[in-house]
Protein backbone atom coordinates (compact mmCIF):
# COMPACT_ATOMS: atom_id res chain seq x y z
CA MET A 1 0.00 0.00 0.00
CA PRO A 2 1.35 3.48 -0.83
CA THR A 3 2.79 5.30 2.18
CA ASP A 4 0.24 8.12 1.89
CA HIS A 5 -2.59 5.57 2.19
CA ARG A 6 -1.21 3.96 5.35
CA ASP A 7 -2.94 4.81 8.61
CA ASN A 8 -0.54 6.99 10.60
CA ILE A 9 -3.23 9.34 11.95
CA TYR A 10 -2.56 8.68 15.63
CA ARG A 11 1.23 8.43 15.32
CA ASN A 12 1.73 12.21 15.26
CA THR A 13 1.91 13.41 18.87
CA GLN A 14 1.91 17.05 17.73
CA VAL A 15 -1.77 16.74 16.80
CA SER A 16 -4.30 16.65 19.64
CA VAL A 17 -6.76 13.77 19.84
CA GLY A 18 -10.37 14.79 19.23
CA GLU A 19 -13.42 12.61 18.71
CA PHE A 20 -13.10 10.13 15.87
CA ARG A 21 -14.70 11.38 12.64
CA PHE A 22 -15.19 9.81 9.24
CA ASP A 23 -13.58 12.77 7.48
CA ARG A 24 -11.33 13.04 4.42
CA GLN A 25 -8.23 12.11 6.42
CA VAL A 26 -9.83 8.88 7.63
CA ALA A 27 -11.37 8.14 4.24
CA GLN A 28 -7.98 8.24 2.52
CA VAL A 29 -6.52 5.55 4.81
CA PHE A 30 -9.69 3.65 5.72
CA PRO A 31 -8.91 0.37 3.90
CA ASP A 32 -5.56 0.12 5.70
CA MET A 33 -7.10 1.21 9.00
CA ILE A 34 -9.89 -1.34 9.03
CA HIS A 35 -7.76 -4.27 7.84
CA ARG A 36 -5.15 -3.58 10.53
CA SER A 37 -7.76 -2.93 13.24
CA VAL A 38 -10.62 -5.41 12.71
CA PRO A 39 -9.69 -9.10 12.86
CA GLY A 40 -11.57 -11.18 10.31
CA TYR A 41 -12.78 -8.21 8.28
CA ASP A 42 -11.93 -9.87 4.96
CA THR A 43 -13.85 -12.99 5.98
CA VAL A 44 -16.96 -10.94 6.74
CA ILE A 45 -16.75 -9.16 3.38
CA GLU A 46 -16.28 -12.44 1.50
CA MET A 47 -19.31 -13.98 3.22
CA ILE A 48 -21.47 -10.97 2.35
CA ALA A 49 -20.97 -11.93 -1.29
CA VAL A 50 -21.86 -15.56 -0.53
CA LEU A 51 -25.00 -14.58 1.39
CA ALA A 52 -26.05 -12.18 -1.37
CA GLY A 53 -25.80 -14.98 -3.90
CA ASN A 54 -28.08 -17.17 -1.82
CA TYR A 55 -30.66 -14.75 -0.40
CA VAL A 56 -31.11 -11.75 -2.68
CA GLU A 57 -34.36 -12.08 -4.64
CA PRO A 58 -35.22 -10.81 -8.14
CA GLY A 59 -36.55 -7.27 -8.29
CA SER A 60 -35.58 -6.45 -4.71
CA LEU A 61 -33.48 -3.77 -3.05
CA CYS A 62 -30.30 -4.33 -1.03
CA TYR A 63 -29.07 -1.84 1.56
CA ASP A 64 -25.58 -1.12 2.85
CA LEU A 65 -26.27 1.19 5.79
CA GLY A 66 -23.19 3.07 6.94
CA CYS A 67 -21.43 1.95 3.79
CA SER A 68 -18.14 3.86 4.33
CA LEU A 69 -16.09 3.11 1.18
CA GLY A 70 -18.55 0.51 -0.06
CA ALA A 71 -16.70 -2.77 0.51
CA SER A 72 -19.95 -4.48 1.55
CA SER A 73 -21.83 -2.95 -1.39
CA GLN A 74 -19.28 -4.22 -3.87
CA ALA A 75 -19.31 -7.65 -2.23
CA MET A 76 -23.09 -7.80 -2.60
CA ALA A 77 -22.84 -6.64 -6.20
CA GLN A 78 -20.34 -9.37 -7.00
CA GLY A 79 -22.38 -12.06 -5.27
CA ILE A 80 -25.91 -11.25 -6.44
CA LYS A 81 -27.28 -13.69 -9.01
CA ALA A 82 -30.87 -12.44 -9.11
CA PRO A 83 -31.90 -10.02 -11.89
CA GLU A 84 -33.29 -6.48 -11.62
CA CYS A 85 -31.84 -5.67 -8.20
CA ARG A 86 -30.33 -2.44 -6.90
CA ILE A 87 -27.94 -1.73 -4.06
CA LEU A 88 -28.45 1.44 -2.02
CA ALA A 89 -25.21 2.43 -0.27
CA VAL A 90 -26.00 4.96 2.45
CA ASP A 91 -23.61 7.00 4.59
CA ASN A 92 -23.75 10.41 6.25
CA SER A 93 -20.10 11.22 5.48
CA PRO A 94 -19.64 13.04 2.16
CA ASP A 95 -15.89 12.47 2.46
CA MET A 96 -16.29 8.70 2.67
CA LEU A 97 -18.70 8.64 -0.27
CA ALA A 98 -16.42 10.83 -2.38
CA VAL A 99 -13.49 8.46 -1.89
CA ALA A 100 -15.79 5.47 -2.45
CA ALA A 101 -16.78 6.87 -5.83
CA GLU A 102 -13.12 7.44 -6.72
CA GLN A 103 -12.21 3.85 -5.86
CA LEU A 104 -15.25 2.15 -7.37
CA THR A 105 -14.48 -0.72 -9.71
CA PRO A 106 -17.32 -0.77 -12.27
CA LEU A 107 -17.30 -4.51 -12.91
CA GLN A 108 -20.53 -5.65 -11.26
CA GLN A 109 -23.83 -6.08 -13.07
CA THR A 110 -25.94 -4.98 -10.10
CA PRO A 111 -25.90 -1.15 -9.88
CA ILE A 112 -24.85 0.66 -6.70
CA GLU A 113 -26.44 4.00 -5.81
CA TRP A 114 -24.44 6.17 -3.40
CA ILE A 115 -26.63 8.22 -1.06
CA CYS A 116 -25.42 10.77 1.50
CA THR A 117 -27.96 10.90 4.31
CA ASP A 118 -28.70 9.67 7.83
CA VAL A 119 -29.43 5.93 7.98
CA LEU A 120 -31.95 6.64 10.74
CA THR A 121 -34.22 8.53 8.36
CA PHE A 122 -33.59 6.73 5.08
CA PRO A 123 -36.62 4.66 3.99
CA ILE A 124 -36.26 0.86 3.90
CA GLU A 125 -38.57 -1.03 1.57
CA ASN A 126 -38.67 -4.16 -0.56
CA ALA A 127 -35.41 -5.28 1.06
CA SER A 128 -34.11 -8.79 0.55
CA MET A 129 -30.72 -8.01 2.15
CA VAL A 130 -29.60 -5.32 4.58
CA VAL A 131 -26.03 -4.95 5.80
CA LEU A 132 -24.99 -3.10 8.96
CA ASN A 133 -21.28 -3.84 8.87
CA PHE A 134 -19.76 -2.22 11.98
CA THR A 135 -22.31 0.61 11.75
CA LEU A 136 -24.77 0.15 14.62
CA GLN A 137 -21.99 0.72 17.17
CA PHE A 138 -21.78 4.34 15.96
CA ILE A 139 -25.54 4.92 16.28
CA PRO A 140 -26.71 6.37 19.63
CA PRO A 141 -27.86 3.39 21.75
CA ALA A 142 -31.33 4.89 22.25
CA ALA A 143 -31.89 4.90 18.47
CA ARG A 144 -30.70 1.38 17.71
CA PHE A 145 -34.00 -0.40 18.31
CA TYR A 146 -35.77 2.16 16.14
CA LEU A 147 -33.40 1.51 13.24
CA LEU A 148 -33.67 -2.28 13.52
CA SER A 149 -37.46 -2.08 13.71
CA ARG A 150 -37.58 0.01 10.54
CA ILE A 151 -35.30 -2.46 8.79
CA ARG A 152 -37.52 -5.37 9.84
CA GLN A 153 -40.66 -3.59 8.65
CA GLY A 154 -39.09 -2.91 5.26
CA MET A 155 -37.87 -6.45 4.64
CA ARG A 156 -39.31 -9.11 2.41
CA PRO A 157 -40.54 -12.27 4.19
CA ASN A 158 -37.38 -14.16 3.21
CA GLY A 159 -35.01 -11.24 3.74
CA LEU A 160 -31.72 -11.26 5.60
CA LEU A 161 -29.94 -8.80 7.87
CA LEU A 162 -26.19 -9.06 8.43
CA LEU A 163 -25.09 -7.23 11.56
CA SER A 164 -21.39 -6.97 12.41
CA GLU A 165 -20.25 -5.25 15.60
CA LYS A 166 -17.49 -4.75 18.09
CA ILE A 167 -18.86 -6.08 21.37
CA THR A 168 -18.18 -5.88 25.08
CA PHE A 169 -18.42 -8.61 27.73
CA SER A 170 -20.22 -8.62 31.07
CA ASP A 171 -17.47 -10.74 32.64
CA PRO A 172 -14.64 -8.30 33.55
CA GLU A 173 -11.91 -10.91 33.16
CA LEU A 174 -13.16 -11.96 29.73
CA GLU A 175 -13.53 -8.31 28.72
CA HIS A 176 -9.92 -7.63 29.71
CA THR A 177 -8.65 -10.71 27.86
CA GLN A 178 -10.51 -9.88 24.65
CA ILE A 179 -9.29 -6.28 24.66
CA GLU A 180 -5.71 -7.41 25.23
CA MET A 181 -5.94 -9.90 22.37
CA HIS A 182 -7.35 -7.21 20.09
CA HIS A 183 -4.51 -4.88 21.01
CA ALA A 184 -2.02 -7.69 20.33
CA PHE A 185 -3.60 -8.10 16.89
CA LYS A 186 -3.12 -4.39 16.21
CA ARG A 187 0.51 -4.49 17.37
CA ALA A 188 1.12 -7.43 15.05
CA ASN A 189 -0.20 -5.23 12.24
CA GLY A 190 2.23 -2.40 12.93
CA TYR A 191 0.40 -0.11 15.35
CA ASN A 192 2.39 0.98 18.39
CA ASP A 193 1.02 1.36 21.92
CA LEU A 194 0.72 5.14 21.58
CA GLU A 195 -1.39 4.84 18.43
CA ILE A 196 -3.60 2.20 20.05
CA SER A 197 -4.14 4.35 23.14
CA ARG A 198 -4.82 7.57 21.22
CA LYS A 199 -7.30 5.96 18.85
CA ARG A 200 -9.09 4.31 21.76
CA SER A 201 -9.47 7.74 23.37
CA ALA A 202 -10.80 9.19 20.11
CA LEU A 203 -13.40 6.43 19.80
CA GLU A 204 -14.44 6.35 23.45
CA LYS A 205 -17.58 8.52 23.12
CA VAL A 206 -18.26 7.70 19.47
CA LEU A 207 -18.15 3.90 19.26
CA ILE A 208 -20.30 2.43 22.04
CA PRO A 209 -20.18 -1.39 22.09
CA GLU A 210 -22.76 -3.65 23.72
CA THR A 211 -22.85 -7.32 24.72
CA LEU A 212 -23.84 -10.09 22.32
CA ALA A 213 -26.91 -10.82 24.47
CA ILE A 214 -28.12 -7.22 24.14
CA HIS A 215 -27.80 -7.40 20.35
CA GLN A 216 -29.63 -10.74 20.15
CA ASN A 217 -32.45 -9.63 22.44
CA ARG A 218 -32.91 -6.36 20.58
CA LEU A 219 -33.13 -8.17 17.24
CA ARG A 220 -35.86 -10.44 18.61
CA GLU A 221 -37.74 -7.48 20.06
CA ALA A 222 -37.50 -5.73 16.68
CA GLY A 223 -39.29 -8.67 15.05
CA PHE A 224 -36.51 -10.93 13.82
CA SER A 225 -37.47 -14.55 14.51
CA HIS A 226 -34.15 -16.14 13.65
CA CYS A 227 -30.79 -14.80 14.78
CA HIS A 228 -27.49 -16.62 14.97
CA LEU A 229 -23.85 -15.83 15.49
CA TRP A 230 -21.85 -16.99 12.48
CA PHE A 231 -18.53 -15.23 13.11
CA GLN A 232 -16.43 -14.14 16.08
CA CYS A 233 -12.81 -13.14 16.46
CA PHE A 234 -11.94 -11.70 19.87
CA ASN A 235 -14.42 -8.85 20.50
CA PHE A 236 -15.68 -8.63 16.91
CA ILE A 237 -18.76 -10.57 15.83
CA SER A 238 -21.19 -10.92 12.95
CA LEU A 239 -24.80 -12.04 13.18
CA VAL A 240 -27.34 -13.13 10.60
CA ALA A 241 -30.97 -12.30 11.41
CA ARG A 242 -34.09 -13.21 9.45
CA PRO A 243 -37.81 -12.38 9.79
């Protein structure tokens, strides 16, 4: 990866640490940042394509809510076999969407529409697949049930929701172990302790993780009858939920 696209944002001690934002600076290094920070990210993206190939129905809509640079959208586009589908990639960061458009590889047959708006207000309808790939954790906790309920109401009977999240643990010892293992993963990928600490401070009030049980219970309360954990690596998980 070119040096200017490597994530060195929190290496510079001359710059004060503010709240994490999905701005142009983050957008430029986001692929490097997420691959070096989220264990199993590539596996999740690959399985989005597999799930899209099996569950997306003809004439339906697919949603990538909080799409960032559109990795999930492109995975869906590559995996979809059904005709006459569209993918709606939604994010509230114009910087992320601008870089996504610059990096788009126009090789898929299913079109992707890039939409800059709040996922909490964007209408969901005729959905056969909805992806929240490490997005819900950035939504205020009080609004999370509302969003999931709207998604459920806008889904087809055989639709599928993929929800990936960073989680926390109610057992303090397990929580400590999982955090330490995650930090070890980041060190193995070239981040130093200062970068890890500064980014954690930046994310503290922005990314609010919850336990797996809270996620599962909320999905059931929102109307999803089937919910199962299909992926976990340390404190990162991915769930599949169906009506």
